[in-house]
Amino acid sequence: MLSEAVSCNKILEKLGGGNKGVVHKADDTGRKRTVALNFLLASAGAS
């Protein structure tokens, strides 16, 4: 998913991941700042 856009955010790199999701470093192109995006895995909410 490197260098893809999500809404007004351009994903730069993967920062980490675990059992519940993945965190990516991204540029917020609208506000011109660096942000962290947390994506939850579909299986994280299953019980």
C-alpha atoms as a PDB file:
ATOM      1  CA  MET A   1       0.000   0.000   0.000  1.00  0.00           C
ATOM      2  CA  LEU A   2       3.047   2.230  -0.194  1.00  0.00           C
ATOM      3  CA  SER A   3       2.594   5.593  -2.008  1.00  0.00           C
ATOM      4  CA  GLU A   4      -1.175   5.248  -2.295  1.00  0.00           C
ATOM      5  CA  ALA A   5      -3.699   7.941  -1.389  1.00  0.00           C
ATOM      6  CA  VAL A   6      -6.475   7.609   1.180  1.00  0.00           C
ATOM      7  CA  SER A   7      -8.817  10.597   1.190  1.00  0.00           C
ATOM      8  CA  CYS A   8      -6.498  13.649   1.318  1.00  0.00           C
ATOM      9  CA  ASN A   9      -3.600  11.599   2.764  1.00  0.00           C
ATOM     10  CA  LYS A  10      -0.662  10.170   0.823  1.00  0.00           C
ATOM     11  CA  ILE A  11       0.755   7.075   2.514  1.00  0.00           C
ATOM     12  CA  LEU A  12       4.539   7.213   2.819  1.00  0.00           C
ATOM     13  CA  GLU A  13       5.565   4.137   4.811  1.00  0.00           C
ATOM     14  CA  LYS A  14       4.427   1.428   7.196  1.00  0.00           C
ATOM     15  CA  LEU A  15       5.338   2.221  10.807  1.00  0.00           C
ATOM     16  CA  GLY A  16       4.149  -0.970  12.466  1.00  0.00           C
ATOM     17  CA  GLY A  17       1.445  -3.544  12.872  1.00  0.00           C
ATOM     18  CA  GLY A  18      -0.020  -6.057  15.238  1.00  0.00           C
ATOM     19  CA  ASN A  19      -2.997  -8.305  15.876  1.00  0.00           C
ATOM     20  CA  LYS A  20      -5.581  -5.531  15.514  1.00  0.00           C
ATOM     21  CA  GLY A  21      -4.234  -3.337  12.730  1.00  0.00           C
ATOM     22  CA  VAL A  22      -1.488  -1.487  10.883  1.00  0.00           C
ATOM     23  CA  VAL A  23      -0.120   2.057  11.331  1.00  0.00           C
ATOM     24  CA  HIS A  24       1.185   4.055   8.370  1.00  0.00           C
ATOM     25  CA  LYS A  25       3.018   7.390   8.159  1.00  0.00           C
ATOM     26  CA  ALA A  26       1.272   9.728   5.714  1.00  0.00           C
ATOM     27  CA  ASP A  27       1.253  13.292   4.414  1.00  0.00           C
ATOM     28  CA  ASP A  28      -2.012  15.203   4.952  1.00  0.00           C
ATOM     29  CA  THR A  29      -2.043  17.129   1.670  1.00  0.00           C
ATOM     30  CA  GLY A  30      -4.861  19.433   2.760  1.00  0.00           C
ATOM     31  CA  ARG A  31      -3.209  20.591   5.990  1.00  0.00           C
ATOM     32  CA  LYS A  32       0.393  20.083   4.799  1.00  0.00           C
ATOM     33  CA  ARG A  33       1.572  18.045   7.779  1.00  0.00           C
ATOM     34  CA  THR A  34       2.675  14.505   8.617  1.00  0.00           C
ATOM     35  CA  VAL A  35       0.100  12.233  10.256  1.00  0.00           C
ATOM     36  CA  ALA A  36      -0.250   8.612  11.383  1.00  0.00           C
ATOM     37  CA  LEU A  37      -3.092   6.528   9.948  1.00  0.00           C
ATOM     38  CA  ASN A  38      -4.339   3.475  11.839  1.00  0.00           C
ATOM     39  CA  PHE A  39      -6.098   0.794   9.791  1.00  0.00           C
ATOM     40  CA  LEU A  40      -7.974  -1.856  11.769  1.00  0.00           C
ATOM     41  CA  LEU A  41      -8.058  -5.393  10.400  1.00  0.00           C
ATOM     42  CA  ALA A  42     -11.488  -6.805   9.581  1.00  0.00           C
ATOM     43  CA  SER A  43     -10.839  -9.741  11.927  1.00  0.00           C
ATOM     44  CA  ALA A  44     -10.050  -7.408  14.865  1.00  0.00           C
ATOM     45  CA  GLY A  45     -13.735  -6.848  15.652  1.00  0.00           C
ATOM     46  CA  ALA A  46     -14.777 -10.488  15.332  1.00  0.00           C
ATOM     47  CA  SER A  47     -15.404 -12.353  18.567  1.00  0.00           C
END
